[in-house]
Amino acid sequence: MGCDPLNETAVRRILTLKRRSWAKGLIVITDDVRRLRRLIDCSDRSSLAAPLASWPGPHTWLLPALTATPRWLRGQHDSLAVRLTDHPLAMLLCRQSRSAIVSTSANRKNQPPLRTARQVRFEFGDHIDWIIDGPVGRANSPSQIRDARTGQLVRGGY
């Protein structure tokens, strides 16, 4: 599931559909790291080294959020989870919208992720504006999340 990260209504709608707390924060993906400048603090170049070396790909990093980064994105954190995607369809969406997008699994809290358009239609029905019937990522588990400032693993995954 995804949306414009700066559209509070859209983000809250996804959180409501997923029955997910805003406090956890969300992942924002993009096709171009420059699109993240409005959301993350790029002043500490050393904290950007590991993320930049690992991207593009399924590597999510916590980077310091700008003070103006909306709380509905970062939750109760001073950082934002970001990823430079290598998924062709996600890259195209970012490129066409000229924006980063929120990226979260298509499922309700504590339920397995839905992997087909048919499953998503059945579960969410008319509550979803668009369903793009295309290939999903290869992974069967969420991506790892690491803190770029410390290198600490925050969430295990592939």
C-alpha atoms as a PDB file:
ATOM      1  CA  MET A   1       0.000   0.000   0.000  1.00  0.00           C
ATOM      2  CA  GLY A   2       1.278   3.450  -0.731  1.00  0.00           C
ATOM      3  CA  CYS A   3       0.413   7.115  -1.018  1.00  0.00           C
ATOM      4  CA  ASP A   4       1.830  10.618  -1.113  1.00  0.00           C
ATOM      5  CA  PRO A   5       3.762  10.921   2.166  1.00  0.00           C
ATOM      6  CA  LEU A   6       2.828  14.592   2.541  1.00  0.00           C
ATOM      7  CA  ASN A   7      -0.906  13.939   2.176  1.00  0.00           C
ATOM      8  CA  GLU A   8      -2.014  13.500   5.785  1.00  0.00           C
ATOM      9  CA  THR A   9      -5.503  12.329   4.801  1.00  0.00           C
ATOM     10  CA  ALA A  10      -4.102   9.595   2.556  1.00  0.00           C
ATOM     11  CA  VAL A  11      -1.567   8.447   5.160  1.00  0.00           C
ATOM     12  CA  ARG A  12      -4.187   8.328   7.921  1.00  0.00           C
ATOM     13  CA  ARG A  13      -6.504   6.404   5.617  1.00  0.00           C
ATOM     14  CA  ILE A  14      -3.851   3.721   5.099  1.00  0.00           C
ATOM     15  CA  LEU A  15      -3.182   3.562   8.837  1.00  0.00           C
ATOM     16  CA  THR A  16      -6.908   3.164   9.499  1.00  0.00           C
ATOM     17  CA  LEU A  17      -7.294   0.430   6.870  1.00  0.00           C
ATOM     18  CA  LYS A  18      -4.328  -1.441   8.316  1.00  0.00           C
ATOM     19  CA  ARG A  19      -5.465  -0.793  11.913  1.00  0.00           C
ATOM     20  CA  ARG A  20      -1.920   0.395  12.554  1.00  0.00           C
ATOM     21  CA  SER A  21      -0.847   2.990  15.099  1.00  0.00           C
ATOM     22  CA  TRP A  22       0.615   6.237  13.739  1.00  0.00           C
ATOM     23  CA  ALA A  23       3.198   6.061  16.543  1.00  0.00           C
ATOM     24  CA  LYS A  24       5.213   3.315  14.805  1.00  0.00           C
ATOM     25  CA  GLY A  25       6.055   5.491  11.821  1.00  0.00           C
ATOM     26  CA  LEU A  26       6.118   4.435   8.181  1.00  0.00           C
ATOM     27  CA  ILE A  27       8.640   3.657   5.457  1.00  0.00           C
ATOM     28  CA  VAL A  28       9.052   6.107   2.603  1.00  0.00           C
ATOM     29  CA  ILE A  29      10.530   4.849  -0.661  1.00  0.00           C
ATOM     30  CA  THR A  30      11.783   6.682  -3.709  1.00  0.00           C
ATOM     31  CA  ASP A  31      13.515   6.233  -7.026  1.00  0.00           C
ATOM     32  CA  ASP A  32      15.828   9.208  -6.445  1.00  0.00           C
ATOM     33  CA  VAL A  33      17.507  10.064  -3.142  1.00  0.00           C
ATOM     34  CA  ARG A  34      17.090  13.775  -3.897  1.00  0.00           C
ATOM     35  CA  ARG A  35      13.350  13.368  -3.314  1.00  0.00           C
ATOM     36  CA  LEU A  36      14.107  12.689   0.357  1.00  0.00           C
ATOM     37  CA  ARG A  37      15.674  16.106   0.978  1.00  0.00           C
ATOM     38  CA  ARG A  38      12.314  17.505   2.118  1.00  0.00           C
ATOM     39  CA  LEU A  39      12.049  14.789   4.771  1.00  0.00           C
ATOM     40  CA  ILE A  40      15.488  13.854   6.106  1.00  0.00           C
ATOM     41  CA  ASP A  41      18.378  15.828   7.550  1.00  0.00           C
ATOM     42  CA  CYS A  42      21.291  15.374   5.151  1.00  0.00           C
ATOM     43  CA  SER A  43      23.731  17.549   7.119  1.00  0.00           C
ATOM     44  CA  ASP A  44      25.557  14.575   8.698  1.00  0.00           C
ATOM     45  CA  ARG A  45      27.204  13.060   5.635  1.00  0.00           C
ATOM     46  CA  SER A  46      28.718  10.208   7.668  1.00  0.00           C
ATOM     47  CA  SER A  47      25.269   8.803   8.492  1.00  0.00           C
ATOM     48  CA  LEU A  48      24.464   8.713   4.756  1.00  0.00           C
ATOM     49  CA  ALA A  49      27.479   6.592   3.760  1.00  0.00           C
ATOM     50  CA  ALA A  50      26.074   3.137   4.578  1.00  0.00           C
ATOM     51  CA  PRO A  51      22.607   3.779   3.107  1.00  0.00           C
ATOM     52  CA  LEU A  52      24.042   5.204  -0.110  1.00  0.00           C
ATOM     53  CA  ALA A  53      26.401   2.227  -0.429  1.00  0.00           C
ATOM     54  CA  SER A  54      23.515  -0.256  -0.051  1.00  0.00           C
ATOM     55  CA  TRP A  55      21.040   1.416  -2.421  1.00  0.00           C
ATOM     56  CA  PRO A  56      19.153   0.873  -4.609  1.00  0.00           C
ATOM     57  CA  GLY A  57      17.688  -2.271  -3.135  1.00  0.00           C
ATOM     58  CA  PRO A  58      15.645  -3.733  -0.296  1.00  0.00           C
ATOM     59  CA  HIS A  59      17.602  -1.940   2.429  1.00  0.00           C
ATOM     60  CA  THR A  60      15.683   0.353   4.761  1.00  0.00           C
ATOM     61  CA  TRP A  61      17.514   2.876   6.916  1.00  0.00           C
ATOM     62  CA  LEU A  62      16.475   5.169   9.738  1.00  0.00           C
ATOM     63  CA  LEU A  63      17.816   8.633   8.993  1.00  0.00           C
ATOM     64  CA  PRO A  64      17.396  11.803  11.055  1.00  0.00           C
ATOM     65  CA  ALA A  65      14.130  13.485  10.128  1.00  0.00           C
ATOM     66  CA  LEU A  66      13.864  17.198   9.558  1.00  0.00           C
ATOM     67  CA  THR A  67      11.864  18.927  12.280  1.00  0.00           C
ATOM     68  CA  ALA A  68       9.285  19.762   9.601  1.00  0.00           C
ATOM     69  CA  THR A  69       8.810  16.081   8.692  1.00  0.00           C
ATOM     70  CA  PRO A  70       5.213  15.261   9.613  1.00  0.00           C
ATOM     71  CA  ARG A  71       4.612  13.176  12.733  1.00  0.00           C
ATOM     72  CA  TRP A  72       2.150  11.047  10.785  1.00  0.00           C
ATOM     73  CA  LEU A  73       5.183   9.746   8.854  1.00  0.00           C
ATOM     74  CA  ARG A  74       7.845   9.423  11.533  1.00  0.00           C
ATOM     75  CA  GLY A  75       5.536   8.501  14.394  1.00  0.00           C
ATOM     76  CA  GLN A  76       7.063   8.994  17.826  1.00  0.00           C
ATOM     77  CA  HIS A  77      10.580   9.053  16.421  1.00  0.00           C
ATOM     78  CA  ASP A  78      13.136  11.694  15.477  1.00  0.00           C
ATOM     79  CA  SER A  79      14.054   9.620  12.433  1.00  0.00           C
ATOM     80  CA  LEU A  80      12.341   8.412   9.273  1.00  0.00           C
ATOM     81  CA  ALA A  81      12.617   4.970   7.663  1.00  0.00           C
ATOM     82  CA  VAL A  82      13.632   5.419   4.021  1.00  0.00           C
ATOM     83  CA  ARG A  83      14.625   3.222   1.101  1.00  0.00           C
ATOM     84  CA  LEU A  84      15.834   3.815  -2.436  1.00  0.00           C
ATOM     85  CA  THR A  85      13.870   1.098  -4.193  1.00  0.00           C
ATOM     86  CA  ASP A  86      14.967  -1.081  -7.078  1.00  0.00           C
ATOM     87  CA  HIS A  87      11.458  -2.428  -7.703  1.00  0.00           C
ATOM     88  CA  PRO A  88      10.575  -1.379 -11.283  1.00  0.00           C
ATOM     89  CA  LEU A  89       6.910  -0.592 -10.631  1.00  0.00           C
ATOM     90  CA  ALA A  90       7.630   1.364  -7.437  1.00  0.00           C
ATOM     91  CA  MET A  91      10.360   3.286  -9.252  1.00  0.00           C
ATOM     92  CA  LEU A  92       7.924   4.151 -12.045  1.00  0.00           C
ATOM     93  CA  LEU A  93       5.299   5.374  -9.552  1.00  0.00           C
ATOM     94  CA  CYS A  94       7.855   7.634  -7.876  1.00  0.00           C
ATOM     95  CA  ARG A  95       9.138   8.915 -11.190  1.00  0.00           C
ATOM     96  CA  GLN A  96       5.662   9.609 -12.595  1.00  0.00           C
ATOM     97  CA  SER A  97       4.464  11.323  -9.408  1.00  0.00           C
ATOM     98  CA  ARG A  98       7.795  13.153  -8.979  1.00  0.00           C
ATOM     99  CA  SER A  99       7.593  12.167  -5.334  1.00  0.00           C
ATOM    100  CA  ALA A 100       8.626   9.651  -2.748  1.00  0.00           C
ATOM    101  CA  ILE A 101       5.779   7.388  -1.605  1.00  0.00           C
ATOM    102  CA  VAL A 102       4.753   5.685   1.606  1.00  0.00           C
ATOM    103  CA  SER A 103       5.396   1.955   1.343  1.00  0.00           C
ATOM    104  CA  THR A 104       3.737  -0.538   3.638  1.00  0.00           C
ATOM    105  CA  SER A 105       2.561  -4.100   3.255  1.00  0.00           C
ATOM    106  CA  ALA A 106      -1.013  -4.695   2.124  1.00  0.00           C
ATOM    107  CA  ASN A 107      -2.458  -6.236   5.249  1.00  0.00           C
ATOM    108  CA  ARG A 108      -4.238  -5.497   8.485  1.00  0.00           C
ATOM    109  CA  LYS A 109      -2.299  -5.453  11.755  1.00  0.00           C
ATOM    110  CA  ASN A 110      -1.009  -8.904  12.752  1.00  0.00           C
ATOM    111  CA  GLN A 111      -2.169 -10.481   9.469  1.00  0.00           C
ATOM    112  CA  PRO A 112       0.090 -11.848   6.724  1.00  0.00           C
ATOM    113  CA  PRO A 113       0.752  -9.516   3.781  1.00  0.00           C
ATOM    114  CA  LEU A 114      -1.545  -9.892   0.794  1.00  0.00           C
ATOM    115  CA  ARG A 115       0.392 -10.699  -2.366  1.00  0.00           C
ATOM    116  CA  THR A 116      -2.154 -10.507  -5.189  1.00  0.00           C
ATOM    117  CA  ALA A 117      -4.554  -7.873  -6.490  1.00  0.00           C
ATOM    118  CA  ARG A 118      -7.400 -10.335  -5.959  1.00  0.00           C
ATOM    119  CA  GLN A 119      -6.536 -10.766  -2.266  1.00  0.00           C
ATOM    120  CA  VAL A 120      -6.344  -6.986  -1.804  1.00  0.00           C
ATOM    121  CA  ARG A 121      -9.736  -6.458  -3.510  1.00  0.00           C
ATOM    122  CA  PHE A 122     -11.310  -9.136  -1.317  1.00  0.00           C
ATOM    123  CA  GLU A 123      -9.866  -7.741   1.932  1.00  0.00           C
ATOM    124  CA  PHE A 124     -10.216  -4.000   1.349  1.00  0.00           C
ATOM    125  CA  GLY A 125     -12.880  -3.737  -1.369  1.00  0.00           C
ATOM    126  CA  ASP A 126     -13.831  -0.178  -2.302  1.00  0.00           C
ATOM    127  CA  HIS A 127     -11.692   1.321   0.474  1.00  0.00           C
ATOM    128  CA  ILE A 128      -8.684   1.310  -1.875  1.00  0.00           C
ATOM    129  CA  ASP A 129      -8.614   3.935  -4.637  1.00  0.00           C
ATOM    130  CA  TRP A 130      -6.331   2.047  -7.020  1.00  0.00           C
ATOM    131  CA  ILE A 131      -4.980  -1.455  -7.210  1.00  0.00           C
ATOM    132  CA  ILE A 132      -2.078  -1.973  -9.561  1.00  0.00           C
ATOM    133  CA  ASP A 133      -1.981  -5.598 -10.604  1.00  0.00           C
ATOM    134  CA  GLY A 134       1.721  -6.145 -11.048  1.00  0.00           C
ATOM    135  CA  PRO A 135       4.605  -8.142  -9.651  1.00  0.00           C
ATOM    136  CA  VAL A 136       5.355  -7.859  -5.958  1.00  0.00           C
ATOM    137  CA  GLY A 137       8.850  -8.051  -4.552  1.00  0.00           C
ATOM    138  CA  ARG A 138      10.677 -11.359  -4.282  1.00  0.00           C
ATOM    139  CA  ALA A 139      10.988 -11.318  -0.499  1.00  0.00           C
ATOM    140  CA  ASN A 140       8.658 -13.261   1.762  1.00  0.00           C
ATOM    141  CA  SER A 141       9.536 -11.203   4.827  1.00  0.00           C
ATOM    142  CA  PRO A 142       9.908  -7.491   5.556  1.00  0.00           C
ATOM    143  CA  SER A 143      13.162  -5.715   4.802  1.00  0.00           C
ATOM    144  CA  GLN A 144      15.731  -5.169   7.512  1.00  0.00           C
ATOM    145  CA  ILE A 145      15.729  -1.742   9.075  1.00  0.00           C
ATOM    146  CA  ARG A 146      18.999  -0.316  10.374  1.00  0.00           C
ATOM    147  CA  ASP A 147      19.737   2.921  12.158  1.00  0.00           C
ATOM    148  CA  ALA A 148      22.098   4.858   9.885  1.00  0.00           C
ATOM    149  CA  ARG A 149      23.629   6.734  12.826  1.00  0.00           C
ATOM    150  CA  THR A 150      24.616   3.617  14.784  1.00  0.00           C
ATOM    151  CA  GLY A 151      24.389   0.731  12.311  1.00  0.00           C
ATOM    152  CA  GLN A 152      22.150  -1.055  14.828  1.00  0.00           C
ATOM    153  CA  LEU A 153      19.641  -3.558  13.445  1.00  0.00           C
ATOM    154  CA  VAL A 154      16.194  -2.270  14.431  1.00  0.00           C
ATOM    155  CA  ARG A 155      14.073  -4.867  12.603  1.00  0.00           C
ATOM    156  CA  GLY A 156      15.230  -8.208  11.292  1.00  0.00           C
ATOM    157  CA  GLY A 157      14.285  -9.354   7.833  1.00  0.00           C
ATOM    158  CA  TYR A 158      15.916 -10.384   4.605  1.00  0.00           C
END
